[in-house]
Amino acid sequence: MAKQFNLASLLKPLQQRIGDLQSQRAVIDTELETLNRVVADLGGKASKPTKPSKATANAPKKATAKKKRLRSSPEQLKEKASAIVAYIKAAGKEGASASDIIKRYPVVGSVKAFLKKWAADAKVKVRGSRQSTRYIAD
């Protein structure tokens, strides 16, 4: 036969623990009230911490203002390419490094491809690879 359980004897320790926790909470609440009064006397602001409201938590974030993209005209690109060629010629025999050209004249993509497209008549030799790429004018 199955063992009989007395529900009241099982619940008695739980009810005692609940009573203890409630009395501890009452003590903590009174201590909190005295602390709030002391802080208010000292000129501070005492309040209970609150959860953020649902309106602010779920509010859509403001989009940052995007700058309007300005497209360069073909004439502007040709002028930029001729300025790059002039910079390479001014560098002399040693030539100009790709990183120096890009710092001075920001180019999307490679300098070689940009010059091939927008300054096709200019004669520029490329020596080296990657970081040591040098552009030398003929």
N, C-alpha and C. Protein backbone atom coordinates (compact mmCIF):
# COMPACT_ATOMS: atom_id res chain seq x y z
N MET A 1 0.83 -1.18 0.00
CA MET A 1 0.00 0.00 0.00
C MET A 1 0.88 1.25 0.00
N ALA A 2 0.43 2.30 -0.70
CA ALA A 2 1.19 3.54 -0.83
C ALA A 2 1.22 4.30 0.48
N LYS A 3 2.31 5.00 0.70
CA LYS A 3 2.49 5.78 1.92
C LYS A 3 1.61 7.02 1.86
N GLN A 4 0.94 7.32 2.98
CA GLN A 4 0.06 8.48 3.07
C GLN A 4 0.90 9.72 3.40
N PHE A 5 0.63 10.82 2.71
CA PHE A 5 1.31 12.09 2.98
C PHE A 5 0.34 13.03 3.66
N ASN A 6 0.83 13.69 4.66
CA ASN A 6 0.03 14.71 5.34
C ASN A 6 0.42 16.05 4.73
N LEU A 7 -0.49 16.62 3.98
CA LEU A 7 -0.22 17.85 3.27
C LEU A 7 0.09 19.01 4.22
N ALA A 8 -0.58 19.07 5.33
CA ALA A 8 -0.36 20.15 6.29
C ALA A 8 1.05 20.11 6.84
N SER A 9 1.59 18.91 7.09
CA SER A 9 2.95 18.80 7.63
C SER A 9 3.99 19.18 6.57
N LEU A 10 3.68 18.97 5.30
CA LEU A 10 4.59 19.37 4.23
C LEU A 10 4.59 20.89 4.02
N LEU A 11 3.45 21.51 4.18
CA LEU A 11 3.32 22.94 3.92
C LEU A 11 3.77 23.80 5.10
N LYS A 12 3.82 23.22 6.33
CA LYS A 12 4.16 24.00 7.51
C LYS A 12 5.54 24.66 7.41
N PRO A 13 6.64 23.97 6.99
CA PRO A 13 7.94 24.66 6.87
C PRO A 13 7.94 25.75 5.79
N LEU A 14 7.19 25.52 4.71
CA LEU A 14 7.10 26.54 3.66
C LEU A 14 6.38 27.79 4.16
N GLN A 15 5.31 27.61 4.93
CA GLN A 15 4.58 28.75 5.46
C GLN A 15 5.44 29.53 6.46
N GLN A 16 6.25 28.82 7.24
CA GLN A 16 7.14 29.50 8.17
C GLN A 16 8.18 30.33 7.40
N ARG A 17 8.71 29.76 6.35
CA ARG A 17 9.72 30.48 5.53
C ARG A 17 9.10 31.71 4.87
N ILE A 18 7.88 31.59 4.38
CA ILE A 18 7.18 32.72 3.78
C ILE A 18 6.98 33.83 4.81
N GLY A 19 6.60 33.46 6.02
CA GLY A 19 6.42 34.44 7.11
C GLY A 19 7.73 35.15 7.43
N ASP A 20 8.84 34.38 7.49
CA ASP A 20 10.15 34.98 7.76
C ASP A 20 10.53 35.98 6.67
N LEU A 21 10.32 35.60 5.41
CA LEU A 21 10.66 36.48 4.29
C LEU A 21 9.81 37.75 4.31
N GLN A 22 8.54 37.63 4.67
CA GLN A 22 7.68 38.80 4.73
C GLN A 22 8.11 39.76 5.84
N SER A 23 8.53 39.20 6.97
CA SER A 23 9.00 40.06 8.06
C SER A 23 10.32 40.75 7.67
N GLN A 24 11.20 40.03 6.98
CA GLN A 24 12.45 40.63 6.50
C GLN A 24 12.16 41.76 5.51
N ARG A 25 11.18 41.55 4.66
CA ARG A 25 10.83 42.57 3.68
C ARG A 25 10.29 43.82 4.38
N ALA A 26 9.50 43.63 5.42
CA ALA A 26 8.97 44.78 6.16
C ALA A 26 10.11 45.58 6.78
N VAL A 27 11.11 44.88 7.34
CA VAL A 27 12.26 45.57 7.93
C VAL A 27 13.03 46.35 6.86
N ILE A 28 13.24 45.73 5.71
CA ILE A 28 13.96 46.38 4.62
C ILE A 28 13.19 47.60 4.12
N ASP A 29 11.87 47.51 4.03
CA ASP A 29 11.06 48.64 3.59
C ASP A 29 11.16 49.82 4.54
N THR A 30 11.14 49.54 5.85
CA THR A 30 11.28 50.64 6.81
C THR A 30 12.67 51.28 6.72
N GLU A 31 13.69 50.46 6.55
CA GLU A 31 15.05 50.99 6.39
C GLU A 31 15.16 51.85 5.13
N LEU A 32 14.52 51.42 4.05
CA LEU A 32 14.52 52.17 2.80
C LEU A 32 13.84 53.53 2.98
N GLU A 33 12.74 53.54 3.71
CA GLU A 33 12.05 54.80 3.96
C GLU A 33 12.93 55.77 4.75
N THR A 34 13.65 55.27 5.76
CA THR A 34 14.52 56.15 6.53
C THR A 34 15.67 56.66 5.67
N LEU A 35 16.23 55.80 4.82
CA LEU A 35 17.29 56.23 3.91
C LEU A 35 16.79 57.30 2.94
N ASN A 36 15.61 57.12 2.41
CA ASN A 36 15.04 58.11 1.50
C ASN A 36 14.84 59.46 2.19
N ARG A 37 14.41 59.42 3.47
CA ARG A 37 14.24 60.67 4.21
C ARG A 37 15.58 61.37 4.43
N VAL A 38 16.63 60.60 4.75
CA VAL A 38 17.95 61.18 4.96
C VAL A 38 18.48 61.79 3.67
N VAL A 39 18.32 61.08 2.57
CA VAL A 39 18.78 61.60 1.28
C VAL A 39 18.01 62.87 0.92
N ALA A 40 16.71 62.89 1.16
CA ALA A 40 15.91 64.07 0.86
C ALA A 40 16.33 65.25 1.75
N ASP A 41 16.68 64.98 3.01
CA ASP A 41 17.15 66.05 3.92
C ASP A 41 18.47 66.63 3.44
N LEU A 42 19.30 65.80 2.83
CA LEU A 42 20.59 66.27 2.34
C LEU A 42 20.49 66.97 0.99
N GLY A 43 19.29 67.04 0.44
CA GLY A 43 19.08 67.76 -0.81
C GLY A 43 19.10 66.87 -2.03
N GLY A 44 19.15 65.58 -1.86
CA GLY A 44 19.15 64.66 -3.00
C GLY A 44 17.75 64.29 -3.39
N LYS A 45 17.66 63.50 -4.41
CA LYS A 45 16.36 63.05 -4.88
C LYS A 45 16.27 61.56 -4.59
N ALA A 46 15.32 61.17 -3.80
CA ALA A 46 15.15 59.77 -3.44
C ALA A 46 13.89 59.25 -4.10
N SER A 47 14.02 58.18 -4.82
CA SER A 47 12.85 57.57 -5.44
C SER A 47 13.10 56.09 -5.61
N LYS A 48 12.04 55.39 -5.77
CA LYS A 48 12.17 53.95 -6.00
C LYS A 48 12.59 53.73 -7.45
N PRO A 49 13.45 52.76 -7.69
CA PRO A 49 13.82 52.49 -9.09
C PRO A 49 12.61 51.99 -9.86
N THR A 50 12.46 52.46 -11.06
CA THR A 50 11.32 52.06 -11.89
C THR A 50 11.81 51.40 -13.16
N LYS A 51 10.98 50.59 -13.71
CA LYS A 51 11.29 49.95 -14.98
C LYS A 51 11.04 50.96 -16.10
N PRO A 52 11.80 50.88 -17.19
CA PRO A 52 11.52 51.80 -18.30
C PRO A 52 10.14 51.52 -18.88
N SER A 53 9.46 52.58 -19.26
CA SER A 53 8.12 52.39 -19.80
C SER A 53 8.20 51.68 -21.15
N LYS A 54 7.15 51.02 -21.47
CA LYS A 54 7.13 50.28 -22.74
C LYS A 54 7.22 51.22 -23.94
N ALA A 55 6.72 52.43 -23.78
CA ALA A 55 6.75 53.38 -24.89
C ALA A 55 8.18 53.75 -25.25
N THR A 56 9.04 53.95 -24.24
CA THR A 56 10.42 54.32 -24.55
C THR A 56 11.25 53.11 -24.93
N ALA A 57 10.94 51.96 -24.35
CA ALA A 57 11.73 50.77 -24.65
C ALA A 57 11.51 50.29 -26.08
N ASN A 58 10.28 50.41 -26.56
CA ASN A 58 9.96 49.92 -27.90
C ASN A 58 9.90 51.02 -28.95
N ALA A 59 10.27 52.23 -28.58
CA ALA A 59 10.21 53.34 -29.52
C ALA A 59 11.24 53.13 -30.63
N PRO A 60 10.88 53.45 -31.84
CA PRO A 60 11.85 53.30 -32.93
C PRO A 60 12.98 54.30 -32.77
N LYS A 61 14.19 53.87 -33.10
CA LYS A 61 15.35 54.74 -32.99
C LYS A 61 15.35 55.72 -34.14
N LYS A 62 15.80 56.95 -33.83
CA LYS A 62 15.86 57.97 -34.87
C LYS A 62 16.98 57.64 -35.84
N ALA A 63 16.70 57.79 -37.09
CA ALA A 63 17.71 57.55 -38.11
C ALA A 63 18.68 58.73 -38.14
N THR A 64 19.94 58.41 -38.32
CA THR A 64 20.92 59.48 -38.41
C THR A 64 20.78 60.17 -39.76
N ALA A 65 21.05 61.43 -39.77
CA ALA A 65 20.94 62.19 -41.00
C ALA A 65 22.03 61.75 -41.97
N LYS A 66 21.62 61.35 -43.15
CA LYS A 66 22.58 60.91 -44.15
C LYS A 66 22.95 62.09 -45.03
N LYS A 67 24.23 62.15 -45.36
CA LYS A 67 24.67 63.19 -46.27
C LYS A 67 24.27 62.81 -47.69
N LYS A 68 23.87 63.79 -48.44
CA LYS A 68 23.49 63.54 -49.81
C LYS A 68 24.76 63.27 -50.62
N ARG A 69 24.75 62.19 -51.36
CA ARG A 69 25.91 61.81 -52.14
C ARG A 69 26.04 62.71 -53.35
N LEU A 70 27.21 63.26 -53.53
CA LEU A 70 27.47 64.11 -54.68
C LEU A 70 28.26 63.31 -55.70
N ARG A 71 27.73 63.22 -56.90
CA ARG A 71 28.42 62.49 -57.96
C ARG A 71 29.32 63.44 -58.72
N SER A 72 30.49 62.93 -59.06
CA SER A 72 31.43 63.74 -59.84
C SER A 72 31.08 63.62 -61.32
N SER A 73 31.19 64.73 -61.99
CA SER A 73 30.93 64.72 -63.44
C SER A 73 32.17 64.15 -64.14
N PRO A 74 32.01 63.71 -65.38
CA PRO A 74 33.18 63.20 -66.12
C PRO A 74 34.30 64.24 -66.23
N GLU A 75 33.93 65.51 -66.35
CA GLU A 75 34.95 66.55 -66.43
C GLU A 75 35.75 66.64 -65.13
N GLN A 76 35.06 66.54 -64.02
CA GLN A 76 35.74 66.58 -62.72
C GLN A 76 36.68 65.38 -62.55
N LEU A 77 36.23 64.22 -63.00
CA LEU A 77 37.06 63.02 -62.89
C LEU A 77 38.30 63.13 -63.77
N LYS A 78 38.14 63.72 -64.97
CA LYS A 78 39.29 63.91 -65.86
C LYS A 78 40.28 64.91 -65.25
N GLU A 79 39.76 65.96 -64.61
CA GLU A 79 40.63 66.93 -63.94
C GLU A 79 41.40 66.27 -62.79
N LYS A 80 40.70 65.42 -62.05
CA LYS A 80 41.34 64.71 -60.94
C LYS A 80 42.44 63.78 -61.46
N ALA A 81 42.16 63.08 -62.57
CA ALA A 81 43.14 62.17 -63.16
C ALA A 81 44.35 62.95 -63.65
N SER A 82 44.14 64.11 -64.28
CA SER A 82 45.28 64.90 -64.75
C SER A 82 46.08 65.45 -63.57
N ALA A 83 45.42 65.77 -62.46
CA ALA A 83 46.13 66.22 -61.27
C ALA A 83 46.98 65.09 -60.70
N ILE A 84 46.47 63.87 -60.73
CA ILE A 84 47.24 62.72 -60.26
C ILE A 84 48.46 62.50 -61.13
N VAL A 85 48.28 62.61 -62.44
CA VAL A 85 49.40 62.45 -63.37
C VAL A 85 50.45 63.53 -63.12
N ALA A 86 50.01 64.76 -62.89
CA ALA A 86 50.95 65.85 -62.60
C ALA A 86 51.70 65.58 -61.30
N TYR A 87 51.03 65.03 -60.31
CA TYR A 87 51.66 64.68 -59.04
C TYR A 87 52.72 63.60 -59.24
N ILE A 88 52.39 62.61 -60.09
CA ILE A 88 53.35 61.53 -60.36
C ILE A 88 54.57 62.10 -61.09
N LYS A 89 54.35 62.99 -62.07
CA LYS A 89 55.47 63.61 -62.80
C LYS A 89 56.34 64.44 -61.87
N ALA A 90 55.71 65.13 -60.92
CA ALA A 90 56.46 65.97 -59.98
C ALA A 90 57.30 65.12 -59.02
N ALA A 91 56.93 63.85 -58.84
CA ALA A 91 57.67 62.97 -57.93
C ALA A 91 59.03 62.61 -58.52
N GLY A 92 59.17 62.75 -59.83
CA GLY A 92 60.46 62.52 -60.47
C GLY A 92 60.74 61.05 -60.77
N LYS A 93 62.07 60.71 -60.78
CA LYS A 93 62.49 59.36 -61.14
C LYS A 93 61.99 58.31 -60.16
N GLU A 94 61.96 58.68 -58.89
CA GLU A 94 61.56 57.71 -57.86
C GLU A 94 60.09 57.35 -57.98
N GLY A 95 59.28 58.28 -58.43
CA GLY A 95 57.85 58.03 -58.59
C GLY A 95 57.08 58.28 -57.30
N ALA A 96 55.79 58.12 -57.38
CA ALA A 96 54.92 58.34 -56.23
C ALA A 96 54.32 57.02 -55.79
N SER A 97 54.23 56.82 -54.49
CA SER A 97 53.64 55.57 -53.99
C SER A 97 52.11 55.66 -54.07
N ALA A 98 51.51 54.49 -54.17
CA ALA A 98 50.05 54.43 -54.29
C ALA A 98 49.40 55.01 -53.04
N SER A 99 49.98 54.74 -51.87
CA SER A 99 49.37 55.25 -50.64
C SER A 99 49.42 56.77 -50.58
N ASP A 100 50.52 57.37 -51.08
CA ASP A 100 50.60 58.83 -51.11
C ASP A 100 49.56 59.42 -52.06
N ILE A 101 49.39 58.78 -53.20
CA ILE A 101 48.40 59.27 -54.18
C ILE A 101 47.00 59.19 -53.59
N ILE A 102 46.68 58.07 -52.94
CA ILE A 102 45.34 57.88 -52.39
C ILE A 102 45.09 58.85 -51.24
N LYS A 103 46.13 59.14 -50.43
CA LYS A 103 45.95 60.10 -49.35
C LYS A 103 45.65 61.49 -49.90
N ARG A 104 46.35 61.84 -50.95
CA ARG A 104 46.21 63.19 -51.52
C ARG A 104 44.95 63.31 -52.40
N TYR A 105 44.69 62.28 -53.17
CA TYR A 105 43.53 62.26 -54.09
C TYR A 105 42.73 60.99 -53.83
N PRO A 106 41.72 61.02 -52.96
CA PRO A 106 40.94 59.82 -52.68
C PRO A 106 40.30 59.25 -53.95
N VAL A 107 40.59 58.00 -54.22
CA VAL A 107 40.10 57.33 -55.42
C VAL A 107 39.40 56.05 -54.98
N VAL A 108 38.24 55.80 -55.57
CA VAL A 108 37.55 54.55 -55.28
C VAL A 108 38.14 53.49 -56.20
N GLY A 109 38.64 52.42 -55.63
CA GLY A 109 39.28 51.37 -56.42
C GLY A 109 40.76 51.63 -56.57
N SER A 110 41.36 51.06 -57.58
CA SER A 110 42.80 51.20 -57.76
C SER A 110 43.14 52.46 -58.56
N VAL A 111 44.32 52.98 -58.30
CA VAL A 111 44.79 54.17 -59.01
C VAL A 111 45.01 53.83 -60.48
N LYS A 112 45.55 52.65 -60.72
CA LYS A 112 45.85 52.22 -62.09
C LYS A 112 44.59 52.20 -62.94
N ALA A 113 43.53 51.61 -62.41
CA ALA A 113 42.28 51.52 -63.16
C ALA A 113 41.66 52.90 -63.36
N PHE A 114 41.78 53.76 -62.35
CA PHE A 114 41.24 55.11 -62.45
C PHE A 114 41.96 55.90 -63.55
N LEU A 115 43.29 55.79 -63.56
CA LEU A 115 44.06 56.51 -64.58
C LEU A 115 43.81 55.94 -65.98
N LYS A 116 43.65 54.63 -66.08
CA LYS A 116 43.40 54.00 -67.37
C LYS A 116 42.07 54.49 -67.96
N LYS A 117 41.09 54.71 -67.07
CA LYS A 117 39.77 55.12 -67.53
C LYS A 117 39.70 56.62 -67.82
N TRP A 118 40.27 57.45 -66.94
CA TRP A 118 40.07 58.89 -67.04
C TRP A 118 41.28 59.66 -67.59
N ALA A 119 42.43 59.03 -67.69
CA ALA A 119 43.60 59.68 -68.28
C ALA A 119 44.29 58.67 -69.18
N ALA A 120 43.55 58.22 -70.18
CA ALA A 120 44.04 57.15 -71.06
C ALA A 120 45.27 57.57 -71.85
N ASP A 121 45.40 58.85 -72.18
CA ASP A 121 46.53 59.31 -72.98
C ASP A 121 47.81 59.48 -72.16
N ALA A 122 47.71 59.50 -70.83
CA ALA A 122 48.89 59.66 -69.98
C ALA A 122 49.66 58.35 -69.91
N LYS A 123 51.00 58.46 -69.95
CA LYS A 123 51.82 57.26 -69.89
C LYS A 123 52.41 57.15 -68.49
N VAL A 124 51.91 56.17 -67.76
CA VAL A 124 52.35 55.95 -66.39
C VAL A 124 52.73 54.50 -66.23
N LYS A 125 53.93 54.25 -65.72
CA LYS A 125 54.37 52.88 -65.46
C LYS A 125 54.12 52.55 -63.99
N VAL A 126 53.83 51.27 -63.76
CA VAL A 126 53.59 50.81 -62.40
C VAL A 126 54.69 49.81 -62.05
N ARG A 127 55.36 50.05 -60.92
CA ARG A 127 56.41 49.13 -60.46
C ARG A 127 56.06 48.67 -59.05
N GLY A 128 56.41 47.44 -58.74
CA GLY A 128 56.16 46.90 -57.40
C GLY A 128 54.76 46.34 -57.29
N SER A 129 54.45 45.88 -56.11
CA SER A 129 53.13 45.34 -55.86
C SER A 129 52.71 45.65 -54.43
N ARG A 130 51.44 45.67 -54.25
CA ARG A 130 50.80 45.94 -52.96
C ARG A 130 51.31 47.21 -52.29
N GLN A 131 51.96 47.11 -51.15
CA GLN A 131 52.37 48.32 -50.42
C GLN A 131 53.53 49.04 -51.08
N SER A 132 54.31 48.34 -51.87
CA SER A 132 55.47 48.99 -52.48
C SER A 132 55.20 49.46 -53.91
N THR A 133 53.93 49.58 -54.29
CA THR A 133 53.59 50.01 -55.64
C THR A 133 54.00 51.47 -55.83
N ARG A 134 54.73 51.71 -56.92
CA ARG A 134 55.17 53.05 -57.28
C ARG A 134 54.67 53.39 -58.67
N TYR A 135 54.24 54.60 -58.87
CA TYR A 135 53.79 55.08 -60.17
C TYR A 135 54.83 56.04 -60.70
N ILE A 136 55.31 55.76 -61.91
CA ILE A 136 56.37 56.56 -62.51
C ILE A 136 55.89 57.07 -63.87
N ALA A 137 56.02 58.38 -64.09
CA ALA A 137 55.58 58.98 -65.35
C ALA A 137 56.68 58.83 -66.39
N ASP A 138 56.28 58.59 -67.62
CA ASP A 138 57.23 58.48 -68.74
C ASP A 138 57.49 59.83 -69.35
